[in-house]
Protein backbone atom coordinates (compact mmCIF):
# COMPACT_ATOMS: atom_id res chain seq x y z
CA UNK A 1 111.39 79.14 100.79
CA UNK A 2 108.37 79.96 98.47
CA UNK A 3 106.41 80.58 101.96
CA UNK A 4 109.31 82.81 103.01
CA UNK A 5 109.22 84.73 99.75
CA UNK A 6 105.56 85.09 100.09
CA UNK A 7 105.74 86.34 103.52
CA UNK A 8 108.50 88.84 102.85
CA UNK A 9 107.55 90.27 99.43
CA UNK A 10 103.95 89.74 98.93
CA UNK A 11 102.24 89.89 102.33
CA UNK A 12 102.59 93.68 102.77
CA UNK A 13 100.18 94.03 99.65
CA UNK A 14 97.61 91.54 101.07
CA UNK A 15 97.26 92.67 104.45
CA UNK A 16 94.47 95.26 103.99
CA UNK A 17 96.51 97.95 106.11
CA UNK A 18 94.41 100.80 104.91
CA UNK A 19 91.67 99.80 107.47
CA UNK A 20 93.98 101.62 110.14
CA UNK A 21 92.76 105.29 110.79
CA UNK A 22 95.01 107.57 108.81
CA UNK A 23 98.02 105.28 108.61
CA UNK A 24 99.42 102.40 106.42
CA UNK A 25 102.05 101.82 108.79
CA UNK A 26 100.78 98.27 109.66
CA UNK A 27 102.07 97.19 105.97
CA UNK A 28 105.46 98.49 107.23
CA UNK A 29 105.35 96.39 110.17
CA UNK A 30 104.41 93.20 107.92
CA UNK A 31 107.04 94.20 105.43
CA UNK A 32 109.87 94.54 107.85
CA UNK A 33 108.72 91.28 109.93
CA UNK A 34 108.36 89.34 106.53
CA UNK A 35 111.56 90.40 105.28
CA UNK A 36 113.22 89.37 108.45
CA UNK A 37 112.29 86.00 107.44
CA UNK A 38 114.30 86.40 104.06
CA UNK A 39 117.11 87.11 106.49
CA UNK A 40 116.85 84.33 108.52
CA UNK A 41 116.56 81.98 105.58
CA UNK A 42 119.46 83.52 103.94
CA UNK A 43 121.53 82.91 107.15
CA UNK A 44 120.87 79.20 106.72
CA UNK A 45 120.79 78.67 102.88
CA UNK A 46 123.01 81.56 101.80
CA UNK A 47 126.48 82.95 102.26
CA UNK A 48 127.16 86.05 104.73
CA UNK A 49 130.78 85.54 104.86
CA UNK A 50 131.68 87.59 101.93
CA UNK A 51 128.34 89.36 101.38
CA UNK A 52 129.67 92.78 102.65
CA UNK A 53 132.36 92.60 100.10
CA UNK A 54 130.03 91.93 97.27
CA UNK A 55 127.99 94.93 97.79
CA UNK A 56 130.62 97.73 98.40
CA UNK A 57 129.18 100.18 95.96
CA UNK A 58 125.77 99.87 97.57
CA UNK A 59 127.04 99.97 101.10
CA UNK A 60 128.93 103.24 100.07
CA UNK A 61 125.97 104.80 98.51
CA UNK A 62 123.75 104.16 101.63
CA UNK A 63 126.37 104.95 104.31
CA UNK A 64 126.80 108.46 102.58
CA UNK A 65 123.18 108.94 102.79
CA UNK A 66 123.18 107.94 106.54
CA UNK A 67 126.03 110.29 107.30
CA UNK A 68 124.46 113.22 105.47
CA UNK A 69 121.36 112.52 107.57
CA UNK A 70 123.28 112.41 110.85
CA UNK A 71 124.90 115.75 109.94
CA UNK A 72 121.59 117.29 109.27
CA UNK A 73 120.27 116.00 112.54
CA UNK A 74 122.85 118.27 114.48
CA UNK A 75 122.80 120.92 111.91
CA UNK A 76 119.20 121.76 112.37
CA UNK A 77 119.38 121.65 116.15
CA UNK A 78 118.82 118.18 117.09
CA UNK A 79 115.16 118.30 117.29
CA UNK A 80 112.67 115.47 116.95
CA UNK A 81 115.38 112.78 117.85
CA UNK A 82 113.06 109.86 117.28
CA UNK A 83 112.02 110.78 113.74
CA UNK A 84 115.68 111.03 112.68
CA UNK A 85 116.39 107.65 114.17
CA UNK A 86 113.42 106.29 112.17
CA UNK A 87 115.01 107.76 108.90
CA UNK A 88 118.33 106.45 109.72
CA UNK A 89 117.02 103.21 110.48
CA UNK A 90 115.19 102.99 107.00
CA UNK A 91 118.45 103.38 105.35
CA UNK A 92 120.04 100.83 107.50
CA UNK A 93 117.37 98.47 106.77
CA UNK A 94 117.87 99.18 103.05
CA UNK A 95 121.59 97.95 103.34
CA UNK A 96 120.47 95.14 105.59
CA UNK A 97 118.41 93.97 102.61
CA UNK A 98 121.05 94.31 100.10
CA UNK A 99 123.08 92.43 102.35
CA UNK A 100 120.50 89.54 102.36
CA UNK A 101 120.07 89.58 98.62
CA UNK A 102 123.86 89.20 98.22
CA UNK A 103 124.06 86.28 100.83
CA UNK A 104 121.23 84.59 98.82
CA UNK A 105 122.83 84.97 95.45
CA UNK A 106 126.32 83.93 96.75
CA UNK A 107 125.25 80.61 98.45
CA UNK A 108 124.78 77.32 96.97
CA UNK A 109 120.99 77.58 96.52
CA UNK A 110 120.95 80.91 94.18
CA UNK A 111 118.65 79.15 91.70
CA UNK A 112 116.33 77.72 94.36
CA UNK A 113 115.92 81.04 95.84
CA UNK A 114 114.83 82.79 92.57
CA UNK A 115 112.21 80.19 91.76
CA UNK A 116 110.87 80.54 95.25
CA UNK A 117 110.78 84.16 95.13
CA UNK A 118 108.83 84.04 91.77
CA UNK A 119 106.39 81.54 93.38
CA UNK A 120 105.87 83.90 96.20
CA UNK A 121 105.37 86.77 94.16
CA UNK A 122 103.11 85.07 91.57
CA UNK A 123 100.75 83.76 94.40
CA UNK A 124 100.57 87.15 96.21
CA UNK A 125 100.03 89.04 92.86
CA UNK A 126 97.17 86.74 91.68
CA UNK A 127 95.46 87.20 95.12
CA UNK A 128 95.91 90.99 94.87
CA UNK A 129 94.74 91.04 91.28
CA UNK A 130 91.67 89.08 92.54
CA UNK A 131 90.96 91.95 95.05
CA UNK A 132 91.34 94.74 92.27
CA UNK A 133 88.93 92.68 89.99
CA UNK A 134 86.41 92.17 92.75
CA UNK A 135 86.55 95.90 93.62
CA UNK A 136 86.04 96.90 89.95
CA UNK A 137 82.77 94.84 89.73
CA UNK A 138 81.59 95.80 93.30
CA UNK A 139 81.93 92.22 94.42
CA UNK A 140 83.89 93.15 97.32
CA UNK A 141 81.07 94.40 99.61
CA UNK A 142 83.74 96.07 102.02
CA UNK A 143 84.98 92.54 102.91
CA UNK A 144 87.16 91.16 100.14
CA UNK A 145 88.90 94.46 99.76
CA UNK A 146 89.75 95.70 103.12
CA UNK A 147 91.08 99.20 102.45
CA UNK A 148 88.70 101.97 102.77
CA UNK A 149 90.61 104.56 100.41
CA UNK A 150 88.90 105.67 97.31
CA UNK A 151 90.68 107.32 94.10
CA UNK A 152 88.07 108.32 91.55
CA UNK A 153 86.83 104.89 90.66
CA UNK A 154 90.30 103.28 90.26
CA UNK A 155 91.08 100.17 91.99
CA UNK A 156 93.80 99.48 94.60
CA UNK A 157 93.09 95.89 95.75
CA UNK A 158 94.56 95.53 99.32
CA UNK A 159 96.41 98.81 99.44
CA UNK A 160 95.74 102.31 99.63
CA UNK A 161 97.17 103.46 96.31
CA UNK A 162 96.49 102.36 92.71
CA UNK A 163 99.95 103.01 91.52
CA UNK A 164 101.36 100.75 94.56
CA UNK A 165 99.02 98.04 93.47
CA UNK A 166 100.00 98.49 89.94
CA UNK A 167 103.62 98.26 90.54
CA UNK A 168 103.11 95.15 92.74
CA UNK A 169 101.12 93.52 90.00
CA UNK A 170 103.68 94.35 87.35
CA UNK A 171 106.32 92.65 89.53
CA UNK A 172 103.89 89.65 89.70
CA UNK A 173 103.19 89.63 86.14
CA UNK A 174 107.09 89.26 85.73
CA UNK A 175 107.43 86.69 88.06
CA UNK A 176 104.80 84.39 86.18
CA UNK A 177 106.80 85.03 82.86
CA UNK A 178 109.99 83.85 84.52
CA UNK A 179 108.19 80.66 85.98
CA UNK A 180 107.00 80.15 82.61
CA UNK A 181 110.70 80.28 81.18
CA UNK A 182 112.07 77.86 83.63
CA UNK A 183 109.31 75.55 84.29
CA UNK A 184 107.60 72.45 82.28
CA UNK A 185 104.32 72.41 80.57
CA UNK A 186 101.71 72.46 83.51
CA UNK A 187 103.33 75.42 85.18
CA UNK A 188 103.26 77.18 81.67
CA UNK A 189 99.49 76.44 81.16
CA UNK A 190 98.88 77.85 84.78
CA UNK A 191 100.92 80.93 83.80
CA UNK A 192 98.81 81.38 80.72
CA UNK A 193 95.67 81.36 82.82
CA UNK A 194 96.83 83.69 85.50
CA UNK A 195 98.67 86.26 83.20
CA UNK A 196 95.54 87.70 81.82
CA UNK A 197 93.97 88.03 85.49
CA UNK A 198 97.00 90.17 86.57
CA UNK A 199 96.76 92.24 83.21
CA UNK A 200 93.22 92.99 83.53
CA UNK A 201 93.57 93.90 87.18
CA UNK A 202 96.42 96.08 86.04
CA UNK A 203 94.03 98.01 83.61
CA UNK A 204 91.47 98.50 86.46
CA UNK A 205 94.12 100.42 88.51
CA UNK A 206 94.06 103.19 85.91
CA UNK A 207 97.77 103.51 86.64
CA UNK A 208 99.73 105.60 84.05
CA UNK A 209 103.00 104.46 85.91
CA UNK A 210 101.74 100.69 85.21
CA UNK A 211 101.63 101.62 81.58
CA UNK A 212 105.31 102.41 81.42
CA UNK A 213 106.21 99.35 83.61
CA UNK A 214 104.51 96.84 81.21
CA UNK A 215 105.98 98.61 78.13
CA UNK A 216 109.30 98.02 79.93
CA UNK A 217 108.49 94.66 80.71
CA UNK A 218 107.64 94.11 77.00
CA UNK A 219 111.17 95.12 76.10
CA UNK A 220 112.99 93.09 78.86
CA UNK A 221 111.17 89.91 77.75
CA UNK A 222 112.17 90.52 74.02
CA UNK A 223 115.68 91.31 74.76
CA UNK A 224 116.10 88.55 77.33
CA UNK A 225 114.57 85.47 76.16
CA UNK A 226 115.08 83.69 72.81
CA UNK A 227 111.72 81.54 73.23
CA UNK A 228 109.26 82.49 70.41
CA UNK A 229 106.31 81.94 73.00
CA UNK A 230 107.62 84.50 75.40
CA UNK A 231 108.41 86.94 72.68
CA UNK A 232 104.93 86.55 71.30
CA UNK A 233 103.70 87.14 75.00
CA UNK A 234 105.76 90.33 75.13
CA UNK A 235 104.24 91.47 71.80
CA UNK A 236 100.67 90.87 73.46
CA UNK A 237 101.70 92.94 76.62
CA UNK A 238 103.08 95.47 74.51
CA UNK A 239 100.08 95.81 72.59
CA UNK A 240 97.75 95.96 75.59
CA UNK A 241 99.87 98.75 77.02
CA UNK A 242 99.56 100.70 73.65
CA UNK A 243 95.79 100.17 73.39
CA UNK A 244 95.63 101.32 77.14
CA UNK A 245 97.56 104.54 76.37
CA UNK A 246 95.48 105.18 73.39
CA UNK A 247 92.19 105.02 75.53
CA UNK A 248 94.00 107.27 77.97
CA UNK A 249 94.68 109.75 75.30
CA UNK A 250 91.01 109.59 74.09
CA UNK A 251 89.65 110.10 77.47
CA UNK A 252 91.93 112.81 78.23
CA UNK A 253 90.54 114.66 75.08
CA UNK A 254 87.13 114.06 76.61
CA UNK A 255 85.91 111.86 73.58
CA UNK A 256 84.86 108.99 76.00
CA UNK A 257 84.47 107.86 79.43
CA UNK A 258 87.47 106.07 81.40
CA UNK A 259 86.35 102.79 82.16
CA UNK A 260 82.76 104.10 82.28
CA UNK A 261 83.49 106.09 85.30
CA UNK A 262 85.50 109.19 84.65
CA UNK A 263 87.72 110.77 82.09
CA UNK A 264 91.25 109.98 82.37
CA UNK A 265 92.15 113.60 83.43
CA UNK A 266 90.13 113.06 86.46
CA UNK A 267 91.39 109.57 87.57
CA UNK A 268 93.93 111.03 89.97
CA UNK A 269 94.26 114.48 91.83
CA UNK A 270 97.99 114.27 90.93
CA UNK A 271 98.00 114.38 86.99
CA UNK A 272 101.08 115.07 85.03
CA UNK A 273 100.48 118.81 84.79
CA UNK A 274 100.32 118.95 88.60
CA UNK A 275 103.49 117.05 88.84
CA UNK A 276 105.28 119.52 86.54
CA UNK A 277 104.26 122.31 88.81
CA UNK A 278 105.39 120.30 91.92
CA UNK A 279 108.81 119.53 90.34
CA UNK A 280 109.43 123.31 89.61
CA UNK A 281 108.59 124.34 92.78
CA UNK A 282 110.73 121.47 94.15
CA UNK A 283 113.61 123.16 92.23
CA UNK A 284 113.04 126.39 93.56
CA UNK A 285 113.38 124.79 97.08
CA UNK A 286 116.61 123.47 95.92
CA UNK A 287 118.03 126.54 94.82
CA UNK A 288 117.16 128.13 98.42
CA UNK A 289 119.49 125.68 100.04
CA UNK A 290 121.87 123.95 97.31
CA UNK A 291 124.83 122.99 99.11
CA UNK A 292 123.67 121.01 102.31
CA UNK A 293 120.11 120.48 101.34
CA UNK A 294 117.04 120.58 103.69
CA UNK A 295 117.01 116.98 105.40
CA UNK A 296 114.93 114.00 104.85
CA UNK A 297 112.08 115.10 106.99
CA UNK A 298 111.25 118.79 106.25
CA UNK A 299 109.64 118.63 102.73
CA UNK A 300 106.00 118.87 103.68
CA UNK A 301 106.59 121.83 106.13
CA UNK A 302 109.14 123.59 103.65
CA UNK A 303 106.55 123.36 100.82
CA UNK A 304 103.71 124.66 102.63
CA UNK A 305 105.62 127.56 104.57
CA UNK A 306 107.63 128.51 101.62
CA UNK A 307 104.47 129.35 99.46
CA UNK A 308 104.92 126.47 97.04
CA UNK A 309 101.82 124.87 98.13
CA UNK A 310 99.74 128.02 97.16
CA UNK A 311 101.18 127.85 93.62
CA UNK A 312 100.55 124.06 93.32
CA UNK A 313 97.35 124.14 94.77
CA UNK A 314 97.95 120.96 97.27
CA UNK A 315 100.06 120.39 100.33
CA UNK A 316 102.75 117.70 99.50
CA UNK A 317 105.06 115.86 101.70
CA UNK A 318 107.54 114.71 98.83
CA UNK A 319 108.45 115.89 95.23
CA UNK A 320 107.21 112.70 93.56
CA UNK A 321 110.52 112.41 91.72
CA UNK A 322 113.44 110.49 93.54
CA UNK A 323 116.29 112.56 91.70
CA UNK A 324 114.66 115.92 92.73
CA UNK A 325 113.80 114.42 96.29
CA UNK A 326 117.58 113.29 97.08
CA UNK A 327 118.95 116.79 95.72
CA UNK A 328 116.45 118.60 97.90
CA UNK A 329 117.06 116.55 100.98
CA UNK A 330 120.92 116.27 100.79
CA UNK A 331 122.08 119.23 98.50
CA UNK A 332 123.72 118.95 95.35
CA UNK A 333 127.35 117.94 96.10
CA UNK A 334 126.04 114.89 98.20
CA UNK A 335 123.53 114.15 95.49
CA UNK A 336 126.29 114.15 92.72
CA UNK A 337 128.31 111.63 94.88
CA UNK A 338 125.32 109.36 95.68
CA UNK A 339 124.33 109.28 91.97
CA UNK A 340 127.76 108.57 90.82
CA UNK A 341 127.93 105.69 93.26
CA UNK A 342 124.68 104.38 92.00
CA UNK A 343 125.74 104.69 88.22
CA UNK A 344 128.88 102.78 89.19
CA UNK A 345 126.56 99.88 90.32
CA UNK A 346 124.77 99.72 87.02
CA UNK A 347 128.19 100.13 85.14
CA UNK A 348 129.48 97.13 87.13
CA UNK A 349 126.26 95.10 86.32
CA UNK A 350 125.52 96.21 82.71
CA UNK A 351 126.68 92.89 81.18
CA UNK A 352 124.56 90.44 83.15
CA UNK A 353 121.22 92.33 83.44
CA UNK A 354 119.87 90.85 80.51
CA UNK A 355 120.80 87.35 81.69
CA UNK A 356 117.63 85.17 82.03
CA UNK A 357 118.53 84.33 85.64
CA UNK A 358 118.68 88.10 86.28
CA UNK A 359 115.22 88.78 84.78
CA UNK A 360 113.42 89.16 88.27
CA UNK A 361 116.10 91.48 89.84
CA UNK A 362 116.31 93.53 86.54
CA UNK A 363 112.59 94.08 86.10
CA UNK A 364 111.98 94.61 89.86
CA UNK A 365 114.43 97.33 90.12
CA UNK A 366 113.05 98.72 86.80
CA UNK A 367 109.40 98.88 87.80
CA UNK A 368 110.36 100.52 91.13
CA UNK A 369 112.63 102.91 89.65
CA UNK A 370 109.91 104.09 86.95
CA UNK A 371 107.50 104.51 89.63
CA UNK A 372 110.11 106.58 91.60
CA UNK A 373 110.27 109.15 88.84
CA UNK A 374 106.63 110.06 89.52
CA UNK A 375 106.09 109.15 93.26
CA UNK A 376 107.89 107.94 96.22
CA UNK A 377 107.76 104.19 96.61
CA UNK A 378 111.15 103.81 98.14
CA UNK A 379 109.79 105.85 101.22
CA UNK A 380 107.91 102.48 101.88
CA UNK A 381 109.94 99.46 103.32
CA UNK A 382 107.66 97.20 101.16
CA UNK A 383 109.22 98.54 98.07
CA UNK A 384 112.61 99.75 99.61
CA UNK A 385 113.51 96.26 100.90
CA UNK A 386 112.84 94.33 97.73
CA UNK A 387 114.74 97.05 95.57
CA UNK A 388 117.82 96.82 97.92
CA UNK A 389 117.40 93.04 97.87
CA UNK A 390 117.60 92.75 94.20
CA UNK A 391 120.36 95.52 93.94
CA UNK A 392 122.40 93.28 96.27
CA UNK A 393 121.69 90.16 94.36
CA UNK A 394 122.55 91.99 90.78
CA UNK A 395 125.91 93.50 92.54
CA UNK A 396 126.96 90.07 93.65
CA UNK A 397 126.89 88.63 90.20
CA UNK A 398 130.49 89.63 89.33
CA UNK A 399 132.00 88.40 92.57
CA UNK A 400 134.65 85.53 92.04
CA UNK A 401 133.08 81.93 91.75
CA UNK A 402 135.10 80.76 94.85
CA UNK A 403 133.01 83.05 97.18
CA UNK A 404 130.11 81.10 96.28
CA UNK A 405 131.71 77.96 97.66
CA UNK A 406 132.37 79.29 101.10
CA UNK A 407 130.08 78.36 104.09
CA UNK A 408 128.62 80.30 106.69
CA UNK A 409 129.83 80.04 110.35
CA UNK A 410 127.29 79.17 112.83
CA UNK A 411 128.08 82.38 114.68
CA UNK A 412 127.05 84.31 111.56
CA UNK A 413 123.95 82.39 111.25
CA UNK A 414 122.88 83.14 114.89
CA UNK A 415 123.86 86.91 114.21
CA UNK A 416 121.73 87.15 111.11
CA UNK A 417 118.77 85.43 112.87
CA UNK A 418 119.13 87.90 116.00
CA UNK A 419 119.38 90.86 113.57
CA UNK A 420 116.27 89.74 111.71
CA UNK A 421 114.42 89.20 115.18
CA UNK A 422 115.41 92.46 116.34
CA UNK A 423 114.11 94.25 113.32
CA UNK A 424 110.85 92.55 113.69
CA UNK A 425 110.58 93.85 117.22
CA UNK A 426 111.95 97.13 116.74
CA UNK A 427 109.70 97.76 113.63
CA UNK A 428 106.57 96.61 115.30
CA UNK A 429 107.43 98.91 118.36
CA UNK A 430 107.98 101.84 116.34
CA UNK A 431 104.88 101.69 114.05
CA UNK A 432 102.78 100.70 116.99
CA UNK A 433 103.74 104.10 118.70
CA UNK A 434 102.88 105.92 115.51
CA UNK A 435 99.63 104.21 115.46
CA UNK A 436 98.93 105.73 118.62
CA UNK A 437 99.29 109.25 117.36
CA UNK A 438 97.65 109.36 114.02
CA UNK A 439 93.94 108.84 115.14
CA UNK A 440 93.96 112.03 117.19
CA UNK A 441 93.07 114.08 114.23
CA UNK A 442 90.86 111.31 112.68
CA UNK A 443 87.08 111.86 112.52
CA UNK A 444 84.39 109.53 112.93
CA UNK A 445 86.18 107.03 115.51
CA UNK A 446 84.19 105.38 118.28
CA UNK A 447 86.72 106.65 120.96
CA UNK A 448 86.65 110.10 122.41
CA UNK A 449 89.22 112.62 121.63
CA UNK A 450 90.51 112.41 125.32
CA UNK A 451 90.66 108.68 125.22
CA UNK A 452 92.82 108.82 122.13
CA UNK A 453 95.09 111.46 123.64
CA UNK A 454 95.44 109.26 126.67
CA UNK A 455 96.61 106.39 124.34
CA UNK A 456 98.78 108.64 122.43
CA UNK A 457 100.65 109.93 125.40
CA UNK A 458 101.73 106.42 126.36
CA UNK A 459 104.39 106.09 123.62
CA UNK A 460 108.23 106.34 123.41
CA UNK A 461 109.22 107.11 119.95
CA UNK A 462 106.83 109.93 119.34
CA UNK A 463 106.81 112.07 122.64
CA UNK A 464 107.20 115.11 121.07
CA UNK A 465 103.86 114.70 119.15
CA UNK A 466 102.26 113.54 122.48
CA UNK A 467 103.38 116.58 124.14
CA UNK A 468 101.82 118.93 121.27
CA UNK A 469 98.42 116.87 121.44
CA UNK A 470 98.29 117.34 125.39
CA UNK A 471 99.10 121.15 124.94
CA UNK A 472 96.55 121.62 122.02
CA UNK A 473 93.52 120.32 124.09
CA UNK A 474 94.03 123.07 126.67
CA UNK A 475 92.62 126.64 125.51
CA UNK A 476 95.63 128.87 124.37
CA UNK A 477 95.84 131.60 126.87
CA UNK A 478 98.42 134.19 127.97
CA UNK A 479 100.16 131.85 130.39
CA UNK A 480 100.57 128.89 127.96
CA UNK A 481 101.05 130.45 124.27
CA UNK A 482 104.80 130.65 124.36
CA UNK A 483 105.06 126.86 125.32
CA UNK A 484 102.48 126.21 122.64
CA UNK A 485 104.48 128.05 119.85
CA UNK A 486 107.68 126.40 120.87
CA UNK A 487 106.13 122.94 120.70
CA UNK A 488 104.25 123.79 117.40
CA UNK A 489 107.82 125.08 115.78
CA UNK A 490 109.41 121.93 117.02
CA UNK A 491 106.85 119.40 115.46
CA UNK A 492 105.88 121.75 112.58
CA UNK A 493 109.42 121.14 111.24
CA UNK A 494 108.37 117.56 110.19
CA UNK A 495 104.37 117.57 110.51
CA UNK A 496 103.08 120.64 108.48
CA UNK A 497 99.29 119.97 109.55
CA UNK A 498 100.29 121.54 112.96
CA UNK A 499 100.55 125.05 111.25
CA UNK A 500 96.82 124.92 110.42
CA UNK A 501 95.49 124.18 114.03
CA UNK A 502 93.45 127.06 115.42
CA UNK A 503 95.56 127.02 118.52
CA UNK A 504 98.55 128.31 116.34
CA UNK A 505 96.71 131.20 114.92
CA UNK A 506 95.40 132.19 118.58
CA UNK A 507 99.17 131.77 119.95
CA UNK A 508 100.59 133.89 117.11
CA UNK A 509 98.08 136.59 117.82
CA UNK A 510 98.83 136.55 121.57
CA UNK A 511 102.42 136.73 120.67
CA UNK A 512 101.53 139.93 118.45
CA UNK A 513 102.93 137.97 115.35
CA UNK A 514 99.92 139.05 113.18
CA UNK A 515 101.52 138.74 109.82
CA UNK A 516 102.51 135.11 110.42
CA UNK A 517 98.90 134.26 111.74
CA UNK A 518 97.37 136.15 108.71
CA UNK A 519 99.49 134.21 106.15
CA UNK A 520 98.80 130.75 107.58
CA UNK A 521 95.06 131.88 107.41
CA UNK A 522 95.09 133.01 104.00
CA UNK A 523 97.31 129.97 102.99
CA UNK A 524 94.89 127.59 104.38
CA UNK A 525 91.68 129.43 102.86
CA UNK A 526 93.22 129.16 99.61
CA UNK A 527 94.27 125.71 99.76
CA UNK A 528 90.87 124.65 101.28
CA UNK A 529 88.82 126.31 98.63
CA UNK A 530 87.57 129.10 100.93
CA UNK A 531 87.11 127.58 104.36
CA UNK A 532 88.38 129.24 107.46
CA UNK A 533 85.77 128.83 110.10
CA UNK A 534 87.42 126.66 112.30
CA UNK A 535 89.96 129.59 113.01
CA UNK A 536 86.88 131.90 113.89
CA UNK A 537 85.76 129.74 116.69
CA UNK A 538 88.76 129.57 118.55
CA UNK A 539 89.65 133.20 117.91
CA UNK A 540 86.34 134.17 119.39
CA UNK A 541 86.94 132.20 122.60
CA UNK A 542 90.38 134.18 123.35
CA UNK A 543 90.96 137.44 124.98
CA UNK A 544 93.99 138.29 122.71
CA UNK A 545 94.46 142.11 122.22
CA UNK A 546 94.33 141.94 118.39
CA UNK A 547 91.38 139.62 118.51
CA UNK A 548 89.03 141.82 116.63
CA UNK A 549 91.68 142.50 113.78
CA UNK A 550 92.08 138.76 113.34
CA UNK A 551 88.22 138.10 113.25
CA UNK A 552 87.90 140.58 110.49
CA UNK A 553 90.83 138.93 108.53
CA UNK A 554 89.24 135.62 108.97
CA UNK A 555 85.99 136.85 107.60
CA UNK A 556 87.62 138.16 104.55
CA UNK A 557 91.11 136.74 103.99
CA UNK A 558 93.12 138.46 101.40
CA UNK A 559 96.79 138.08 100.18
CA UNK A 560 99.47 139.10 102.44
CA UNK A 561 103.29 138.91 102.42
CA UNK A 562 104.68 135.58 103.46
CA UNK A 563 105.91 135.46 107.05
CA UNK A 564 107.48 132.37 108.62
CA UNK A 565 109.67 133.70 111.47
CA UNK A 566 108.70 131.06 114.07
CA UNK A 567 109.27 128.03 111.37
CA UNK A 568 112.46 129.27 109.94
CA UNK A 569 114.23 130.20 113.07
CA UNK A 570 113.39 126.77 114.74
CA UNK A 571 114.12 124.67 111.65
CA UNK A 572 115.95 126.32 108.91
CA UNK A 573 117.82 129.21 110.62
CA UNK A 574 116.41 131.77 108.33
CA UNK A 575 117.60 129.86 105.15
CA UNK A 576 113.94 130.28 103.74
CA UNK A 577 113.48 133.98 104.32
């Protein structure tokens, strides 16, 4: 079972999925496929007979979001069906993970499950930590650490994002602490050797989120375990976090250099001040549609075309706060109902979260919850599925003892195995189709644009994006600009990058929607730091009646009134005006 846990919980962080051009979705495949092995193992060693009854509150919360998402799909005009199916599927996979966690907990091998999970997480975390350390000392040579992403000198191991690495290492550190608690002398010695490796790797990520996580870990250790050794370890970890935080403050004040590379204020383009602006603009978007929300898929385009990106200075695809994002997506009434259901879950388990046997579920949920306050880890299956798994595990704690004695029927074992296999196949299919689309706009690839377009057109789940790409390679002309704008509006509801394509400006000019074209040019010019020449090249090749007017504006962009008729009429029924 340790290998199963390693495949389901650690493998996505060790895959090096940042090697794929413009996408980390290969990690999603590994996560869903690996987690399906947990589902299969739970079918054999767990108890599915009453799992659905044990997680009624979790089920109610996720079903509420699924129903709200289905409502939005029809309310907003039933566009981009595959993207909506994927969104609903992710929520469904979250419930499946909670079901698996409940089955594992309510079976007769619960203790073996938890030990196996900790071993799998510990092995994965040590490997990931070595990747970060190799990267920090420039030992990787581009081979040990596969991901090509960079973040101002911060390490990220085998994943694209330092905060993702930090959260995984924090979970691994908690697993080592728990193994030290339940194991004998030799394992404790190994834990003593491996814990400093993970702590040092955490420092190299420069993750302020990880600072908060290890402080939380220290508190959980102190409140959960009576062992003097573990409490001493908690004090050391807490001292490390406080020292780390002190270094951050010093460097923020420009007194020293952060890790000898850059001051802390520059370690991430998304600092605390930026998030404050982002949250304020997100709230303004919430106020513009407070009752039913704007849907799970629209934040990126909404943020750009509402003018919020200009105020913040960067385009964003998420509010970087789970509570604000849920309110934005589903509206205030549904969000209140959802938050109430989640609060009832924690109210139900409040008396058992500090039980030593629940240390890993409690800390994992806490770490991902802390991360969710400043980013969006739950939008990735490799965080969503472990979070829901452990939530299902905890919610099952208060089930009547008699439930643990029930045995699975053969039919349910086969059913769970079939669901697991189907999840692997479906996730692999969806992500392979997405991978065909993403390289279209990537620079520096060996394949030609036409070859990538041919590959992109051969997919099932993202055909609307394929059609847009095929349209975009043809010069926009009087005979096709209407079709271009219709396709751009359809896809632009979800993929904001399409509004900044030169063809969009030419098509809007043909349609005599000059104010919309000017606003998009000005918005891009401001966000890019003064670049707009790619619009000029396409406009010069056109024969649009207002060509000269637009060329003059491209040369000297100036503030214009926001105009988003094409977008709002297609996606938001003019609610953003």
